[in-house]
């Protein structure tokens, strides 16, 4: 009977040692995963900042595009007016020369 108790104690001791070893492995894995999580959070924050900056640029780019369109329209109008004035001046010069 002493041998049976000793065998049971040996089995229990082996199970405790395997459990302790597995606990160490899981602890090391958890530590590694914490490090990976910290790195992933850092990358996510960096990506979010980049996205925010890109969205800000997008808004600025849209505003700049509107301003560029407005300026292009104004330049077109000014060129048309300049051409009209040039034609009127040429007519006046023609009238003055005919006098």
C-alpha atoms as a PDB file:
ATOM      1  CA  UNK A   1       0.000   0.000   0.000  1.00  0.00           C
ATOM      2  CA  UNK A   2       2.915   2.365   0.659  1.00  0.00           C
ATOM      3  CA  UNK A   3       4.017   1.901  -2.912  1.00  0.00           C
ATOM      4  CA  UNK A   4       0.568   2.908  -4.195  1.00  0.00           C
ATOM      5  CA  UNK A   5       0.647   6.114  -2.101  1.00  0.00           C
ATOM      6  CA  UNK A   6       4.161   6.797  -3.307  1.00  0.00           C
ATOM      7  CA  UNK A   7       3.097   6.323  -6.947  1.00  0.00           C
ATOM      8  CA  UNK A   8       0.118   8.631  -6.428  1.00  0.00           C
ATOM      9  CA  UNK A   9       2.369  11.199  -4.783  1.00  0.00           C
ATOM     10  CA  UNK A  10       4.857  10.901  -7.674  1.00  0.00           C
ATOM     11  CA  UNK A  11       2.035  11.420 -10.236  1.00  0.00           C
ATOM     12  CA  UNK A  12       0.794  14.441  -8.305  1.00  0.00           C
ATOM     13  CA  UNK A  13       4.319  15.839  -8.114  1.00  0.00           C
ATOM     14  CA  UNK A  14       4.757  15.379 -11.905  1.00  0.00           C
ATOM     15  CA  UNK A  15       1.453  17.137 -12.566  1.00  0.00           C
ATOM     16  CA  UNK A  16       2.436  20.045 -10.306  1.00  0.00           C
ATOM     17  CA  UNK A  17       5.828  20.354 -12.059  1.00  0.00           C
ATOM     18  CA  UNK A  18       4.182  20.285 -15.529  1.00  0.00           C
ATOM     19  CA  UNK A  19       1.652  22.860 -14.370  1.00  0.00           C
ATOM     20  CA  UNK A  20       4.443  25.077 -12.996  1.00  0.00           C
ATOM     21  CA  UNK A  21       6.396  24.733 -16.269  1.00  0.00           C
ATOM     22  CA  UNK A  22       3.293  25.550 -18.311  1.00  0.00           C
ATOM     23  CA  UNK A  23       2.638  28.556 -16.065  1.00  0.00           C
ATOM     24  CA  UNK A  24       6.177  29.842 -16.775  1.00  0.00           C
ATOM     25  CA  UNK A  25       5.656  29.354 -20.517  1.00  0.00           C
ATOM     26  CA  UNK A  26       2.322  31.144 -20.452  1.00  0.00           C
ATOM     27  CA  UNK A  27       3.785  33.959 -18.379  1.00  0.00           C
ATOM     28  CA  UNK A  28       6.605  34.430 -20.898  1.00  0.00           C
ATOM     29  CA  UNK A  29       4.112  34.335 -23.771  1.00  0.00           C
ATOM     30  CA  UNK A  30       1.891  36.889 -22.029  1.00  0.00           C
ATOM     31  CA  UNK A  31       4.888  39.183 -21.546  1.00  0.00           C
ATOM     32  CA  UNK A  32       5.785  38.837 -25.222  1.00  0.00           C
ATOM     33  CA  UNK A  33       2.208  39.587 -26.237  1.00  0.00           C
ATOM     34  CA  UNK A  34       2.181  42.681 -24.012  1.00  0.00           C
ATOM     35  CA  UNK A  35       5.237  43.931 -25.894  1.00  0.00           C
ATOM     36  CA  UNK A  36       3.607  43.257 -29.246  1.00  0.00           C
ATOM     37  CA  UNK A  37       0.444  44.998 -28.056  1.00  0.00           C
ATOM     38  CA  UNK A  38       2.421  48.073 -27.030  1.00  0.00           C
ATOM     39  CA  UNK A  39       4.090  48.163 -30.448  1.00  0.00           C
ATOM     40  CA  UNK A  40       0.757  47.711 -32.216  1.00  0.00           C
ATOM     41  CA  UNK A  41      -0.766  50.536 -30.179  1.00  0.00           C
ATOM     42  CA  UNK A  42       2.152  52.766 -31.127  1.00  0.00           C
ATOM     43  CA  UNK A  43       1.698  51.948 -34.806  1.00  0.00           C
ATOM     44  CA  UNK A  44      -2.059  52.506 -34.540  1.00  0.00           C
ATOM     45  CA  UNK A  45      -1.561  55.910 -32.893  1.00  0.00           C
ATOM     46  CA  UNK A  46       0.940  56.870 -35.581  1.00  0.00           C
ATOM     47  CA  UNK A  47      -1.480  55.755 -38.302  1.00  0.00           C
ATOM     48  CA  UNK A  48      -4.317  57.715 -36.668  1.00  0.00           C
ATOM     49  CA  UNK A  49      -2.158  60.845 -36.542  1.00  0.00           C
ATOM     50  CA  UNK A  50      -1.204  60.371 -40.199  1.00  0.00           C
ATOM     51  CA  UNK A  51      -4.856  59.884 -41.106  1.00  0.00           C
ATOM     52  CA  UNK A  52      -5.820  63.030 -39.212  1.00  0.00           C
ATOM     53  CA  UNK A  53      -3.118  64.991 -40.992  1.00  0.00           C
ATOM     54  CA  UNK A  54      -4.206  63.578 -44.346  1.00  0.00           C
ATOM     55  CA  UNK A  55      -7.815  64.507 -43.641  1.00  0.00           C
ATOM     56  CA  UNK A  56      -6.663  67.992 -42.676  1.00  0.00           C
ATOM     57  CA  UNK A  57      -4.712  68.261 -45.911  1.00  0.00           C
ATOM     58  CA  UNK A  58      -7.722  66.970 -47.806  1.00  0.00           C
ATOM     59  CA  UNK A  59      -9.820  69.766 -46.364  1.00  0.00           C
ATOM     60  CA  UNK A  60      -7.112  72.295 -47.144  1.00  0.00           C
ATOM     61  CA  UNK A  61      -6.665  70.819 -50.607  1.00  0.00           C
ATOM     62  CA  UNK A  62     -10.398  71.098 -51.270  1.00  0.00           C
ATOM     63  CA  UNK A  63     -10.364  74.711 -50.059  1.00  0.00           C
ATOM     64  CA  UNK A  64      -7.295  75.446 -52.173  1.00  0.00           C
ATOM     65  CA  UNK A  65      -8.973  73.842 -55.176  1.00  0.00           C
ATOM     66  CA  UNK A  66     -12.015  76.085 -54.691  1.00  0.00           C
ATOM     67  CA  UNK A  67      -9.770  79.130 -54.389  1.00  0.00           C
ATOM     68  CA  UNK A  68      -7.820  78.074 -57.481  1.00  0.00           C
ATOM     69  CA  UNK A  69     -11.079  77.687 -59.425  1.00  0.00           C
ATOM     70  CA  UNK A  70     -12.229  81.108 -58.252  1.00  0.00           C
ATOM     71  CA  UNK A  71      -8.893  82.654 -59.222  1.00  0.00           C
ATOM     72  CA  UNK A  72      -8.980  80.944 -62.617  1.00  0.00           C
ATOM     73  CA  UNK A  73     -12.460  82.343 -63.224  1.00  0.00           C
ATOM     74  CA  UNK A  74     -11.288  85.791 -62.165  1.00  0.00           C
ATOM     75  CA  UNK A  75      -8.258  85.602 -64.480  1.00  0.00           C
ATOM     76  CA  UNK A  76     -10.538  84.567 -67.347  1.00  0.00           C
ATOM     77  CA  UNK A  77     -12.829  87.532 -66.644  1.00  0.00           C
ATOM     78  CA  UNK A  78      -9.892  89.932 -66.398  1.00  0.00           C
ATOM     79  CA  UNK A  79      -8.439  88.674 -69.679  1.00  0.00           C
ATOM     80  CA  UNK A  80     -11.787  89.127 -71.385  1.00  0.00           C
ATOM     81  CA  UNK A  81     -12.063  92.667 -69.980  1.00  0.00           C
ATOM     82  CA  UNK A  82      -8.489  93.427 -71.055  1.00  0.00           C
ATOM     83  CA  UNK A  83      -9.282  92.263 -74.577  1.00  0.00           C
ATOM     84  CA  UNK A  84     -12.410  94.447 -74.648  1.00  0.00           C
ATOM     85  CA  UNK A  85     -10.405  97.465 -73.433  1.00  0.00           C
ATOM     86  CA  UNK A  86      -7.681  96.776 -75.970  1.00  0.00           C
ATOM     87  CA  UNK A  87     -10.266  96.690 -78.767  1.00  0.00           C
ATOM     88  CA  UNK A  88     -11.800  99.973 -77.571  1.00  0.00           C
ATOM     89  CA  UNK A  89      -8.367 101.625 -77.365  1.00  0.00           C
ATOM     90  CA  UNK A  90      -7.567 100.446 -80.905  1.00  0.00           C
ATOM     91  CA  UNK A  91     -10.854 101.951 -82.112  1.00  0.00           C
ATOM     92  CA  UNK A  92     -10.050 105.262 -80.387  1.00  0.00           C
ATOM     93  CA  UNK A  93      -6.561 105.269 -81.892  1.00  0.00           C
ATOM     94  CA  UNK A  94      -8.119 104.597 -85.299  1.00  0.00           C
ATOM     95  CA  UNK A  95     -10.531 107.501 -84.814  1.00  0.00           C
ATOM     96  CA  UNK A  96      -7.729 109.808 -83.680  1.00  0.00           C
ATOM     97  CA  UNK A  97      -5.595 108.874 -86.674  1.00  0.00           C
ATOM     98  CA  UNK A  98      -8.454 109.596 -89.036  1.00  0.00           C
ATOM     99  CA  UNK A  99      -8.729 113.147 -87.708  1.00  0.00           C
END
